[in-house]
Amino acid sequence: MVGNMRVLGIETSCDETGVAIYDSEQGLMSHALYSQVKIHAEYGGVVPELASRDHVRKVTPLIRQVIEESGSGKGDIDGIAFTKGPGLMGALLVGAATASSLAWAWKVPAIGIHHLEGHLLAPMLEEGTEVEFPFIALLVSGGHTMLIEVDELGIYKLLGESLDDAVGEAFDKTAKLLGLGYPGGPVLAKLAEEGAPNRFKFPRPMTNRPGLDFSFSGLKTFAITTVQENGLEQQTKADVAHAFQEAVVDTMAIKCRRAIEQRGIKRLIVAGGVGANKRLRERLKEEMDRLGAELFFPSMQFCTDNGAMIAYAGHRRLLRGQAPETDFGVKPRWPLYEL
């Protein structure tokens, strides 16, 4: 396919229902996002069956909303992109079935998008932002913490990943330890602003050895020991949050610097929910400025899961001629390097 293209994107991989319309000439025309956080908060984590049911309730109204807001008719849609994986089986099937049904009814192609590829391309949703290939990507989304070399669309080389907890999981588990609720990352980051900078010093895991892999489970254990020794008085909680966040952010900055130096590519994209962390943004900017490297983030609204990144990735893949799906199968486990 060539020329102008308008794509409807549908994201239902976990606990957010995201829908958007992206147009080759007009860019992002409309997008809508519904978060299920309140539904899952009382359980302290995502309940897959509840997630699937809520996607069923929300996806069709959101599709109607973005079509109306964009001023589109169903005849204006040239393709539909949906998240094929990775994610929760039931949640993914809601998006896949919806996309495939609409594609059949509207006689347009439907293509499955890798959720993490959507995150990798999310910074390009910003008007006037086009990141040149190749680049290094720090992907910190949900259960994933990865450093990836991106040579071009669909050509990815894994440089390093977490050997245990992903960074988002480590934030959530430490927040739970401190009694901060779910999801814990943003609440812990806010509490960390009140912490004393030098009271506690957490380790920087795996930074004293070569390689680009991460490990965060030891930081959670260190936080448990610190709390056991010092109690859970409010200022102590803030001091632990500060020390934990600094250790995580410093570790990621060191590994990103190492990746840039080893690969000789002076462009870094940071994508995924933890990319919204203000301290991480500050620390990486300091590091990239020292290296003379470019640094790209998505806007805050596109750090978490969203339909806009799926619509954009679908648009890119349809333009280069990717074949449409012949069924609506999904891939709950789908390594990025299989693309």
C-alpha atoms as a PDB file:
ATOM      1  CA  MET A   1       0.000   0.000   0.000  1.00  0.00           C
ATOM      2  CA  VAL A   2       1.179   3.498  -0.782  1.00  0.00           C
ATOM      3  CA  GLY A   3      -0.063   7.051  -0.390  1.00  0.00           C
ATOM      4  CA  ASN A   4      -2.222   8.472   2.370  1.00  0.00           C
ATOM      5  CA  MET A   5      -3.546   5.995   4.901  1.00  0.00           C
ATOM      6  CA  ARG A   6      -5.892   6.260   7.886  1.00  0.00           C
ATOM      7  CA  VAL A   7      -5.585   3.495  10.482  1.00  0.00           C
ATOM      8  CA  LEU A   8      -7.712   2.587  13.475  1.00  0.00           C
ATOM      9  CA  GLY A   9      -5.622   1.208  16.356  1.00  0.00           C
ATOM     10  CA  ILE A  10      -6.948  -0.988  19.185  1.00  0.00           C
ATOM     11  CA  GLU A  11      -4.948  -1.843  22.324  1.00  0.00           C
ATOM     12  CA  THR A  12      -6.307  -4.357  24.861  1.00  0.00           C
ATOM     13  CA  SER A  13      -3.236  -6.247  26.091  1.00  0.00           C
ATOM     14  CA  CYS A  14      -3.702  -5.747  29.841  1.00  0.00           C
ATOM     15  CA  ASP A  15      -5.684  -3.275  31.944  1.00  0.00           C
ATOM     16  CA  GLU A  16      -6.153  -0.307  29.602  1.00  0.00           C
ATOM     17  CA  THR A  17      -8.505  -0.094  26.639  1.00  0.00           C
ATOM     18  CA  GLY A  18      -6.962   2.238  24.071  1.00  0.00           C
ATOM     19  CA  VAL A  19      -8.356   3.255  20.672  1.00  0.00           C
ATOM     20  CA  ALA A  20      -7.003   5.829  18.210  1.00  0.00           C
ATOM     21  CA  ILE A  21      -6.994   6.940  14.588  1.00  0.00           C
ATOM     22  CA  TYR A  22      -3.742   7.883  12.847  1.00  0.00           C
ATOM     23  CA  ASP A  23      -3.583   9.487   9.401  1.00  0.00           C
ATOM     24  CA  SER A  24      -0.503   9.760   7.157  1.00  0.00           C
ATOM     25  CA  GLU A  25      -1.076  13.458   6.456  1.00  0.00           C
ATOM     26  CA  GLN A  26      -2.906  14.682   9.552  1.00  0.00           C
ATOM     27  CA  GLY A  27      -1.052  12.607  12.135  1.00  0.00           C
ATOM     28  CA  LEU A  28      -2.901  11.521  15.263  1.00  0.00           C
ATOM     29  CA  MET A  29      -6.516  12.551  14.674  1.00  0.00           C
ATOM     30  CA  SER A  30      -8.157  11.238  17.832  1.00  0.00           C
ATOM     31  CA  HIS A  31      -7.452   8.877  20.702  1.00  0.00           C
ATOM     32  CA  ALA A  32      -9.258   7.630  23.790  1.00  0.00           C
ATOM     33  CA  LEU A  33      -8.074   5.606  26.758  1.00  0.00           C
ATOM     34  CA  TYR A  34      -9.919   3.900  29.569  1.00  0.00           C
ATOM     35  CA  SER A  35      -7.901   2.667  32.542  1.00  0.00           C
ATOM     36  CA  GLN A  36      -9.080  -0.233  34.708  1.00  0.00           C
ATOM     37  CA  VAL A  37      -6.850   0.720  37.659  1.00  0.00           C
ATOM     38  CA  LYS A  38      -9.772   1.228  40.060  1.00  0.00           C
ATOM     39  CA  ILE A  39     -11.197  -2.209  39.190  1.00  0.00           C
ATOM     40  CA  HIS A  40      -7.946  -4.032  39.988  1.00  0.00           C
ATOM     41  CA  ALA A  41      -6.672  -1.843  42.857  1.00  0.00           C
ATOM     42  CA  GLU A  42      -8.560  -3.753  45.576  1.00  0.00           C
ATOM     43  CA  TYR A  43      -6.856  -6.979  44.459  1.00  0.00           C
ATOM     44  CA  GLY A  44      -3.358  -5.459  44.399  1.00  0.00           C
ATOM     45  CA  GLY A  45      -2.814  -6.446  40.764  1.00  0.00           C
ATOM     46  CA  VAL A  46      -4.542  -7.203  37.484  1.00  0.00           C
ATOM     47  CA  VAL A  47      -7.240  -9.909  37.521  1.00  0.00           C
ATOM     48  CA  PRO A  48      -7.263 -11.317  33.950  1.00  0.00           C
ATOM     49  CA  GLU A  49     -10.953 -12.286  33.822  1.00  0.00           C
ATOM     50  CA  LEU A  50     -12.069  -8.873  35.058  1.00  0.00           C
ATOM     51  CA  ALA A  51      -9.755  -7.204  32.550  1.00  0.00           C
ATOM     52  CA  SER A  52     -11.216  -9.157  29.616  1.00  0.00           C
ATOM     53  CA  ARG A  53     -14.815  -8.407  30.617  1.00  0.00           C
ATOM     54  CA  ASP A  54     -14.123  -4.707  30.944  1.00  0.00           C
ATOM     55  CA  HIS A  55     -12.466  -4.551  27.517  1.00  0.00           C
ATOM     56  CA  VAL A  56     -15.638  -6.094  26.062  1.00  0.00           C
ATOM     57  CA  ARG A  57     -17.702  -3.335  27.684  1.00  0.00           C
ATOM     58  CA  LYS A  58     -15.463  -0.440  26.695  1.00  0.00           C
ATOM     59  CA  VAL A  59     -13.905  -1.139  23.286  1.00  0.00           C
ATOM     60  CA  THR A  60     -16.945  -0.513  21.053  1.00  0.00           C
ATOM     61  CA  PRO A  61     -17.977   2.792  22.698  1.00  0.00           C
ATOM     62  CA  LEU A  62     -14.372   4.008  22.444  1.00  0.00           C
ATOM     63  CA  ILE A  63     -14.222   3.098  18.743  1.00  0.00           C
ATOM     64  CA  ARG A  64     -17.403   5.086  18.133  1.00  0.00           C
ATOM     65  CA  GLN A  65     -15.920   7.986  20.108  1.00  0.00           C
ATOM     66  CA  VAL A  66     -12.647   8.257  18.167  1.00  0.00           C
ATOM     67  CA  ILE A  67     -14.384   7.882  14.803  1.00  0.00           C
ATOM     68  CA  GLU A  68     -16.759  10.706  15.701  1.00  0.00           C
ATOM     69  CA  GLU A  69     -14.014  12.935  17.140  1.00  0.00           C
ATOM     70  CA  SER A  70     -11.836  12.475  14.052  1.00  0.00           C
ATOM     71  CA  GLY A  71     -14.674  13.349  11.709  1.00  0.00           C
ATOM     72  CA  SER A  72     -14.214  10.022   9.954  1.00  0.00           C
ATOM     73  CA  GLY A  73     -16.735   7.662   8.492  1.00  0.00           C
ATOM     74  CA  LYS A  74     -16.177   3.940   8.321  1.00  0.00           C
ATOM     75  CA  GLY A  75     -15.377   4.401   4.611  1.00  0.00           C
ATOM     76  CA  ASP A  76     -12.397   6.613   5.548  1.00  0.00           C
ATOM     77  CA  ILE A  77     -10.603   3.846   7.477  1.00  0.00           C
ATOM     78  CA  ASP A  78      -7.952   2.113   5.341  1.00  0.00           C
ATOM     79  CA  GLY A  79      -6.807  -0.473   7.884  1.00  0.00           C
ATOM     80  CA  ILE A  80      -7.162  -1.670  11.454  1.00  0.00           C
ATOM     81  CA  ALA A  81      -4.247  -2.469  13.761  1.00  0.00           C
ATOM     82  CA  PHE A  82      -4.659  -4.413  16.992  1.00  0.00           C
ATOM     83  CA  THR A  83      -2.305  -5.633  19.700  1.00  0.00           C
ATOM     84  CA  LYS A  84      -1.599  -9.288  18.927  1.00  0.00           C
ATOM     85  CA  GLY A  85       0.733  -9.825  21.875  1.00  0.00           C
ATOM     86  CA  PRO A  86       2.325 -10.120  24.301  1.00  0.00           C
ATOM     87  CA  GLY A  87      -0.295  -9.765  27.014  1.00  0.00           C
ATOM     88  CA  LEU A  88      -3.199 -11.485  28.730  1.00  0.00           C
ATOM     89  CA  MET A  89      -4.831 -14.100  26.482  1.00  0.00           C
ATOM     90  CA  GLY A  90      -8.440 -13.081  27.121  1.00  0.00           C
ATOM     91  CA  ALA A  91      -7.730  -9.361  26.903  1.00  0.00           C
ATOM     92  CA  LEU A  92      -5.828  -9.748  23.624  1.00  0.00           C
ATOM     93  CA  LEU A  93      -8.661 -11.819  22.127  1.00  0.00           C
ATOM     94  CA  VAL A  94     -11.138  -8.987  22.721  1.00  0.00           C
ATOM     95  CA  GLY A  95      -9.094  -6.583  20.595  1.00  0.00           C
ATOM     96  CA  ALA A  96      -8.269  -9.190  17.955  1.00  0.00           C
ATOM     97  CA  ALA A  97     -11.893 -10.304  17.530  1.00  0.00           C
ATOM     98  CA  THR A  98     -13.132  -6.714  17.395  1.00  0.00           C
ATOM     99  CA  ALA A  99     -10.514  -5.669  14.829  1.00  0.00           C
ATOM    100  CA  SER A 100     -11.049  -8.743  12.650  1.00  0.00           C
ATOM    101  CA  SER A 101     -14.838  -8.317  12.674  1.00  0.00           C
ATOM    102  CA  LEU A 102     -14.662  -4.655  11.721  1.00  0.00           C
ATOM    103  CA  ALA A 103     -12.062  -5.364   9.038  1.00  0.00           C
ATOM    104  CA  TRP A 104     -14.339  -7.999   7.505  1.00  0.00           C
ATOM    105  CA  ALA A 105     -17.366  -5.686   7.648  1.00  0.00           C
ATOM    106  CA  TRP A 106     -15.507  -2.662   6.268  1.00  0.00           C
ATOM    107  CA  LYS A 107     -13.463  -4.689   3.739  1.00  0.00           C
ATOM    108  CA  VAL A 108     -10.113  -3.366   4.947  1.00  0.00           C
ATOM    109  CA  PRO A 109      -6.988  -5.204   6.158  1.00  0.00           C
ATOM    110  CA  ALA A 110      -6.437  -5.997   9.839  1.00  0.00           C
ATOM    111  CA  ILE A 111      -2.886  -6.520  11.116  1.00  0.00           C
ATOM    112  CA  GLY A 112      -1.563  -7.655  14.480  1.00  0.00           C
ATOM    113  CA  ILE A 113       1.016  -5.430  16.169  1.00  0.00           C
ATOM    114  CA  HIS A 114       3.610  -6.381  18.758  1.00  0.00           C
ATOM    115  CA  HIS A 115       2.807  -4.407  21.891  1.00  0.00           C
ATOM    116  CA  LEU A 116       6.454  -3.571  22.549  1.00  0.00           C
ATOM    117  CA  GLU A 117       7.000  -2.363  18.984  1.00  0.00           C
ATOM    118  CA  GLY A 118       4.180   0.085  19.630  1.00  0.00           C
ATOM    119  CA  HIS A 119       6.039   1.413  22.673  1.00  0.00           C
ATOM    120  CA  LEU A 120       9.304   1.652  20.702  1.00  0.00           C
ATOM    121  CA  LEU A 121       7.651   3.898  18.115  1.00  0.00           C
ATOM    122  CA  ALA A 122       5.577   5.977  20.574  1.00  0.00           C
ATOM    123  CA  PRO A 123       8.025   8.931  20.702  1.00  0.00           C
ATOM    124  CA  MET A 124       7.373   9.446  16.981  1.00  0.00           C
ATOM    125  CA  LEU A 125       3.770  10.354  17.772  1.00  0.00           C
ATOM    126  CA  GLU A 126       5.041  13.773  18.807  1.00  0.00           C
ATOM    127  CA  GLU A 127       4.474  16.265  16.003  1.00  0.00           C
ATOM    128  CA  GLY A 128       7.688  16.915  14.072  1.00  0.00           C
ATOM    129  CA  THR A 129       9.574  14.074  15.788  1.00  0.00           C
ATOM    130  CA  GLU A 130      11.132  11.506  13.472  1.00  0.00           C
ATOM    131  CA  VAL A 131      13.855   9.429  15.088  1.00  0.00           C
ATOM    132  CA  GLU A 132      16.468   8.236  12.629  1.00  0.00           C
ATOM    133  CA  PHE A 133      17.401   4.557  12.529  1.00  0.00           C
ATOM    134  CA  PRO A 134      19.425   3.005  14.058  1.00  0.00           C
ATOM    135  CA  PHE A 135      18.803   3.848  17.702  1.00  0.00           C
ATOM    136  CA  ILE A 136      19.073   2.280  21.151  1.00  0.00           C
ATOM    137  CA  ALA A 137      15.826   1.781  23.070  1.00  0.00           C
ATOM    138  CA  LEU A 138      15.312   1.377  26.792  1.00  0.00           C
ATOM    139  CA  LEU A 139      11.970  -0.383  27.048  1.00  0.00           C
ATOM    140  CA  VAL A 140      10.466  -0.219  30.536  1.00  0.00           C
ATOM    141  CA  SER A 141       6.884  -1.385  30.105  1.00  0.00           C
ATOM    142  CA  GLY A 142       4.882  -3.585  32.481  1.00  0.00           C
ATOM    143  CA  GLY A 143       6.775  -6.847  32.940  1.00  0.00           C
ATOM    144  CA  HIS A 144       9.569  -5.832  30.550  1.00  0.00           C
ATOM    145  CA  THR A 145      12.902  -4.108  31.095  1.00  0.00           C
ATOM    146  CA  MET A 146      15.056  -4.351  27.975  1.00  0.00           C
ATOM    147  CA  LEU A 147      17.807  -2.592  26.064  1.00  0.00           C
ATOM    148  CA  ILE A 148      17.329  -3.039  22.326  1.00  0.00           C
ATOM    149  CA  GLU A 149      19.254  -1.988  19.240  1.00  0.00           C
ATOM    150  CA  VAL A 150      16.733  -0.921  16.597  1.00  0.00           C
ATOM    151  CA  ASP A 151      18.281  -1.036  13.125  1.00  0.00           C
ATOM    152  CA  GLU A 152      14.991  -0.389  11.318  1.00  0.00           C
ATOM    153  CA  LEU A 153      11.321  -1.204  11.674  1.00  0.00           C
ATOM    154  CA  GLY A 154      11.096  -4.885  12.573  1.00  0.00           C
ATOM    155  CA  ILE A 155      14.839  -5.479  12.953  1.00  0.00           C
ATOM    156  CA  TYR A 156      15.635  -5.647  16.655  1.00  0.00           C
ATOM    157  CA  LYS A 157      18.626  -6.935  18.562  1.00  0.00           C
ATOM    158  CA  LEU A 158      18.279  -7.633  22.274  1.00  0.00           C
ATOM    159  CA  LEU A 159      21.270  -6.129  24.100  1.00  0.00           C
ATOM    160  CA  GLY A 160      20.197  -6.750  27.677  1.00  0.00           C
ATOM    161  CA  GLU A 161      17.159  -7.471  29.848  1.00  0.00           C
ATOM    162  CA  SER A 162      16.185  -7.989  33.458  1.00  0.00           C
ATOM    163  CA  LEU A 163      17.139 -11.415  34.758  1.00  0.00           C
ATOM    164  CA  ASP A 164      14.394 -11.283  37.406  1.00  0.00           C
ATOM    165  CA  ASP A 165      11.881  -8.553  38.223  1.00  0.00           C
ATOM    166  CA  ALA A 166      11.164  -5.922  35.601  1.00  0.00           C
ATOM    167  CA  VAL A 167      11.683  -2.403  36.898  1.00  0.00           C
ATOM    168  CA  GLY A 168       7.933  -1.699  36.995  1.00  0.00           C
ATOM    169  CA  GLU A 169       7.384  -4.843  39.065  1.00  0.00           C
ATOM    170  CA  ALA A 170      10.178  -3.814  41.432  1.00  0.00           C
ATOM    171  CA  PHE A 171       8.519  -0.401  41.907  1.00  0.00           C
ATOM    172  CA  ASP A 172       5.136  -2.023  42.597  1.00  0.00           C
ATOM    173  CA  LYS A 173       6.521  -4.597  45.050  1.00  0.00           C
ATOM    174  CA  THR A 174       8.527  -2.007  46.974  1.00  0.00           C
ATOM    175  CA  ALA A 175       5.519   0.322  47.074  1.00  0.00           C
ATOM    176  CA  LYS A 176       3.424  -2.521  48.489  1.00  0.00           C
ATOM    177  CA  LEU A 177       6.100  -3.135  51.148  1.00  0.00           C
ATOM    178  CA  LEU A 178       5.798   0.542  52.123  1.00  0.00           C
ATOM    179  CA  GLY A 179       1.997   0.317  52.236  1.00  0.00           C
ATOM    180  CA  LEU A 180       1.481   2.616  49.256  1.00  0.00           C
ATOM    181  CA  GLY A 181      -1.142   0.637  47.348  1.00  0.00           C
ATOM    182  CA  TYR A 182      -1.457  -0.284  43.666  1.00  0.00           C
ATOM    183  CA  PRO A 183      -0.227   0.729  41.149  1.00  0.00           C
ATOM    184  CA  GLY A 184       2.778   1.647  43.222  1.00  0.00           C
ATOM    185  CA  GLY A 185       5.233   3.260  40.799  1.00  0.00           C
ATOM    186  CA  PRO A 186       3.802   6.793  40.591  1.00  0.00           C
ATOM    187  CA  VAL A 187       2.986   6.901  44.320  1.00  0.00           C
ATOM    188  CA  LEU A 188       6.479   5.745  45.295  1.00  0.00           C
ATOM    189  CA  ALA A 189       8.053   8.320  42.953  1.00  0.00           C
ATOM    190  CA  LYS A 190       6.023  11.099  44.560  1.00  0.00           C
ATOM    191  CA  LEU A 191       6.930   9.963  48.081  1.00  0.00           C
ATOM    192  CA  ALA A 192      10.622   9.789  47.067  1.00  0.00           C
ATOM    193  CA  GLU A 193      10.599  13.577  46.565  1.00  0.00           C
ATOM    194  CA  GLU A 194      10.205  13.939  50.349  1.00  0.00           C
ATOM    195  CA  GLY A 195      13.066  11.565  51.158  1.00  0.00           C
ATOM    196  CA  ALA A 196      16.421  12.548  52.654  1.00  0.00           C
ATOM    197  CA  PRO A 197      19.113  12.119  49.967  1.00  0.00           C
ATOM    198  CA  ASN A 198      21.823  10.519  52.086  1.00  0.00           C
ATOM    199  CA  ARG A 199      20.131   8.495  54.805  1.00  0.00           C
ATOM    200  CA  PHE A 200      20.135   5.152  52.967  1.00  0.00           C
ATOM    201  CA  LYS A 201      22.400   3.919  50.168  1.00  0.00           C
ATOM    202  CA  PHE A 202      21.052   1.087  48.045  1.00  0.00           C
ATOM    203  CA  PRO A 203      23.278  -1.001  45.732  1.00  0.00           C
ATOM    204  CA  ARG A 204      23.410  -0.514  41.943  1.00  0.00           C
ATOM    205  CA  PRO A 205      22.907  -4.136  40.829  1.00  0.00           C
ATOM    206  CA  MET A 206      25.142  -5.595  38.109  1.00  0.00           C
ATOM    207  CA  THR A 207      26.827  -2.278  37.298  1.00  0.00           C
ATOM    208  CA  ASN A 208      30.250  -3.491  38.510  1.00  0.00           C
ATOM    209  CA  ARG A 209      30.390  -6.252  35.903  1.00  0.00           C
ATOM    210  CA  PRO A 210      30.399  -6.096  32.097  1.00  0.00           C
ATOM    211  CA  GLY A 211      27.221  -6.585  30.090  1.00  0.00           C
ATOM    212  CA  LEU A 212      23.876  -4.884  29.689  1.00  0.00           C
ATOM    213  CA  ASP A 213      21.550  -7.119  31.707  1.00  0.00           C
ATOM    214  CA  PHE A 214      19.605  -5.846  34.722  1.00  0.00           C
ATOM    215  CA  SER A 215      18.586  -7.300  38.078  1.00  0.00           C
ATOM    216  CA  PHE A 216      16.138  -5.596  40.430  1.00  0.00           C
ATOM    217  CA  SER A 217      14.942  -8.295  42.842  1.00  0.00           C
ATOM    218  CA  GLY A 218      17.912  -7.638  45.151  1.00  0.00           C
ATOM    219  CA  LEU A 219      16.808  -4.009  45.577  1.00  0.00           C
ATOM    220  CA  LYS A 220      13.419  -5.190  46.803  1.00  0.00           C
ATOM    221  CA  THR A 221      15.181  -7.483  49.313  1.00  0.00           C
ATOM    222  CA  PHE A 222      17.420  -4.597  50.392  1.00  0.00           C
ATOM    223  CA  ALA A 223      14.317  -2.460  50.927  1.00  0.00           C
ATOM    224  CA  ILE A 224      12.745  -5.208  53.096  1.00  0.00           C
ATOM    225  CA  THR A 225      15.877  -5.420  55.262  1.00  0.00           C
ATOM    226  CA  THR A 226      16.038  -1.624  55.586  1.00  0.00           C
ATOM    227  CA  VAL A 227      12.403  -1.458  56.723  1.00  0.00           C
ATOM    228  CA  GLN A 228      12.912  -4.291  59.209  1.00  0.00           C
ATOM    229  CA  GLU A 229      15.844  -2.424  60.764  1.00  0.00           C
ATOM    230  CA  ASN A 230      14.310   1.063  60.767  1.00  0.00           C
ATOM    231  CA  GLY A 231      10.546   0.651  60.953  1.00  0.00           C
ATOM    232  CA  LEU A 232       7.808   2.257  58.838  1.00  0.00           C
ATOM    233  CA  GLU A 233       7.579   5.760  60.248  1.00  0.00           C
ATOM    234  CA  GLN A 234       6.482   8.191  57.475  1.00  0.00           C
ATOM    235  CA  GLN A 235       9.877   9.866  57.030  1.00  0.00           C
ATOM    236  CA  THR A 236      11.586   6.474  56.921  1.00  0.00           C
ATOM    237  CA  LYS A 237       9.192   5.376  54.173  1.00  0.00           C
ATOM    238  CA  ALA A 238      10.060   8.513  52.191  1.00  0.00           C
ATOM    239  CA  ASP A 239      13.796   7.935  52.728  1.00  0.00           C
ATOM    240  CA  VAL A 240      13.530   4.309  51.586  1.00  0.00           C
ATOM    241  CA  ALA A 241      11.499   5.369  48.515  1.00  0.00           C
ATOM    242  CA  HIS A 242      14.146   7.973  47.648  1.00  0.00           C
ATOM    243  CA  ALA A 243      17.054   5.561  48.035  1.00  0.00           C
ATOM    244  CA  PHE A 244      15.267   2.843  46.066  1.00  0.00           C
ATOM    245  CA  GLN A 245      14.348   5.153  43.197  1.00  0.00           C
ATOM    246  CA  GLU A 246      17.863   6.609  42.994  1.00  0.00           C
ATOM    247  CA  ALA A 247      19.341   3.099  42.814  1.00  0.00           C
ATOM    248  CA  VAL A 248      16.962   2.063  40.032  1.00  0.00           C
ATOM    249  CA  VAL A 249      17.407   5.244  38.009  1.00  0.00           C
ATOM    250  CA  ASP A 250      21.178   5.235  38.406  1.00  0.00           C
ATOM    251  CA  THR A 251      21.391   1.597  37.348  1.00  0.00           C
ATOM    252  CA  MET A 252      19.374   2.228  34.187  1.00  0.00           C
ATOM    253  CA  ALA A 253      21.408   5.346  33.347  1.00  0.00           C
ATOM    254  CA  ILE A 254      24.697   3.438  33.710  1.00  0.00           C
ATOM    255  CA  LYS A 255      23.450   0.608  31.459  1.00  0.00           C
ATOM    256  CA  CYS A 256      22.131   3.055  28.835  1.00  0.00           C
ATOM    257  CA  ARG A 257      25.447   4.884  28.775  1.00  0.00           C
ATOM    258  CA  ARG A 258      27.247   1.566  28.380  1.00  0.00           C
ATOM    259  CA  ALA A 259      24.969   0.546  25.478  1.00  0.00           C
ATOM    260  CA  ILE A 260      25.542   3.852  23.668  1.00  0.00           C
ATOM    261  CA  GLU A 261      29.306   3.553  24.099  1.00  0.00           C
ATOM    262  CA  GLN A 262      29.468  -0.119  23.077  1.00  0.00           C
ATOM    263  CA  ARG A 263      27.254   0.173  19.997  1.00  0.00           C
ATOM    264  CA  GLY A 264      28.421   3.617  18.883  1.00  0.00           C
ATOM    265  CA  ILE A 265      24.831   4.783  18.286  1.00  0.00           C
ATOM    266  CA  LYS A 266      24.143   8.187  19.799  1.00  0.00           C
ATOM    267  CA  ARG A 267      20.367   8.072  19.864  1.00  0.00           C
ATOM    268  CA  LEU A 268      18.354   6.744  22.813  1.00  0.00           C
ATOM    269  CA  ILE A 269      14.592   6.228  22.972  1.00  0.00           C
ATOM    270  CA  VAL A 270      12.949   5.543  26.327  1.00  0.00           C
ATOM    271  CA  ALA A 271       9.507   3.955  26.131  1.00  0.00           C
ATOM    272  CA  GLY A 272       6.953   2.350  28.427  1.00  0.00           C
ATOM    273  CA  GLY A 273       5.212   3.283  31.657  1.00  0.00           C
ATOM    274  CA  VAL A 274       8.346   3.819  33.760  1.00  0.00           C
ATOM    275  CA  GLY A 275       9.461   6.300  31.085  1.00  0.00           C
ATOM    276  CA  ALA A 276       7.077   8.745  32.751  1.00  0.00           C
ATOM    277  CA  ASN A 277       9.259   8.772  35.893  1.00  0.00           C
ATOM    278  CA  LYS A 278      10.514  12.338  36.291  1.00  0.00           C
ATOM    279  CA  ARG A 279      13.754  11.372  38.010  1.00  0.00           C
ATOM    280  CA  LEU A 280      14.592   8.855  35.275  1.00  0.00           C
ATOM    281  CA  ARG A 281      14.084  11.542  32.644  1.00  0.00           C
ATOM    282  CA  GLU A 282      16.373  13.941  34.513  1.00  0.00           C
ATOM    283  CA  ARG A 283      19.098  11.369  35.079  1.00  0.00           C
ATOM    284  CA  LEU A 284      19.124  10.099  31.497  1.00  0.00           C
ATOM    285  CA  LYS A 285      19.249  13.636  30.138  1.00  0.00           C
ATOM    286  CA  GLU A 286      22.342  14.309  32.258  1.00  0.00           C
ATOM    287  CA  GLU A 287      23.967  11.113  30.959  1.00  0.00           C
ATOM    288  CA  MET A 288      23.095  11.676  27.293  1.00  0.00           C
ATOM    289  CA  ASP A 289      24.240  15.312  27.445  1.00  0.00           C
ATOM    290  CA  ARG A 290      27.640  14.111  28.638  1.00  0.00           C
ATOM    291  CA  LEU A 291      27.815  11.691  25.709  1.00  0.00           C
ATOM    292  CA  GLY A 292      26.531  14.194  23.151  1.00  0.00           C
ATOM    293  CA  ALA A 293      23.687  11.771  22.375  1.00  0.00           C
ATOM    294  CA  GLU A 294      20.096  12.519  21.399  1.00  0.00           C
ATOM    295  CA  LEU A 295      17.358  11.489  23.825  1.00  0.00           C
ATOM    296  CA  PHE A 296      13.703  10.890  22.960  1.00  0.00           C
ATOM    297  CA  PHE A 297      10.699  10.230  25.215  1.00  0.00           C
ATOM    298  CA  PRO A 298       7.030   9.831  24.378  1.00  0.00           C
ATOM    299  CA  SER A 299       4.762  12.476  25.863  1.00  0.00           C
ATOM    300  CA  MET A 300       3.464  11.485  29.291  1.00  0.00           C
ATOM    301  CA  GLN A 301       0.074  10.414  27.919  1.00  0.00           C
ATOM    302  CA  PHE A 302       1.713   7.881  25.590  1.00  0.00           C
ATOM    303  CA  CYS A 303       4.084   6.276  28.112  1.00  0.00           C
ATOM    304  CA  THR A 304       1.438   3.875  29.376  1.00  0.00           C
ATOM    305  CA  ASP A 305      -0.399   1.442  27.092  1.00  0.00           C
ATOM    306  CA  ASN A 306      -2.471   3.303  24.498  1.00  0.00           C
ATOM    307  CA  GLY A 307      -4.176   2.902  21.146  1.00  0.00           C
ATOM    308  CA  ALA A 308      -2.241   5.717  19.471  1.00  0.00           C
ATOM    309  CA  MET A 309       1.036   3.771  19.428  1.00  0.00           C
ATOM    310  CA  ILE A 310      -0.758   0.743  17.932  1.00  0.00           C
ATOM    311  CA  ALA A 311      -2.415   2.876  15.243  1.00  0.00           C
ATOM    312  CA  TYR A 312       0.951   4.457  14.392  1.00  0.00           C
ATOM    313  CA  ALA A 313       2.800   1.127  14.261  1.00  0.00           C
ATOM    314  CA  GLY A 314       0.006  -0.325  12.126  1.00  0.00           C
ATOM    315  CA  HIS A 315       0.223   2.645   9.794  1.00  0.00           C
ATOM    316  CA  ARG A 316       3.972   2.145   9.361  1.00  0.00           C
ATOM    317  CA  ARG A 317       3.600  -1.572   8.695  1.00  0.00           C
ATOM    318  CA  LEU A 318       0.671  -1.232   6.286  1.00  0.00           C
ATOM    319  CA  LEU A 319       2.538   1.419   4.299  1.00  0.00           C
ATOM    320  CA  ARG A 320       5.418  -0.969   3.789  1.00  0.00           C
ATOM    321  CA  GLY A 321       3.074  -3.678   2.602  1.00  0.00           C
ATOM    322  CA  GLN A 322       2.622  -6.058   5.514  1.00  0.00           C
ATOM    323  CA  ALA A 323       0.092  -8.766   4.680  1.00  0.00           C
ATOM    324  CA  PRO A 324      -3.193  -8.687   6.615  1.00  0.00           C
ATOM    325  CA  GLU A 325      -4.102 -11.289   9.212  1.00  0.00           C
ATOM    326  CA  THR A 326      -5.940 -14.384   7.996  1.00  0.00           C
ATOM    327  CA  ASP A 327      -7.357 -15.166  11.445  1.00  0.00           C
ATOM    328  CA  PHE A 328      -7.516 -13.415  14.801  1.00  0.00           C
ATOM    329  CA  GLY A 329      -5.029 -15.537  16.675  1.00  0.00           C
ATOM    330  CA  VAL A 330      -3.042 -13.850  19.447  1.00  0.00           C
ATOM    331  CA  LYS A 331       0.361 -14.437  21.029  1.00  0.00           C
ATOM    332  CA  PRO A 332       0.356 -13.948  24.831  1.00  0.00           C
ATOM    333  CA  ARG A 333       4.083 -14.765  24.807  1.00  0.00           C
ATOM    334  CA  TRP A 334       5.825 -13.202  21.825  1.00  0.00           C
ATOM    335  CA  PRO A 335       9.536 -12.309  21.944  1.00  0.00           C
ATOM    336  CA  LEU A 336      10.286  -9.056  20.135  1.00  0.00           C
ATOM    337  CA  TYR A 337      13.159 -10.633  18.224  1.00  0.00           C
ATOM    338  CA  GLU A 338      10.709 -12.972  16.458  1.00  0.00           C
ATOM    339  CA  LEU A 339       9.363 -10.063  14.394  1.00  0.00           C
END
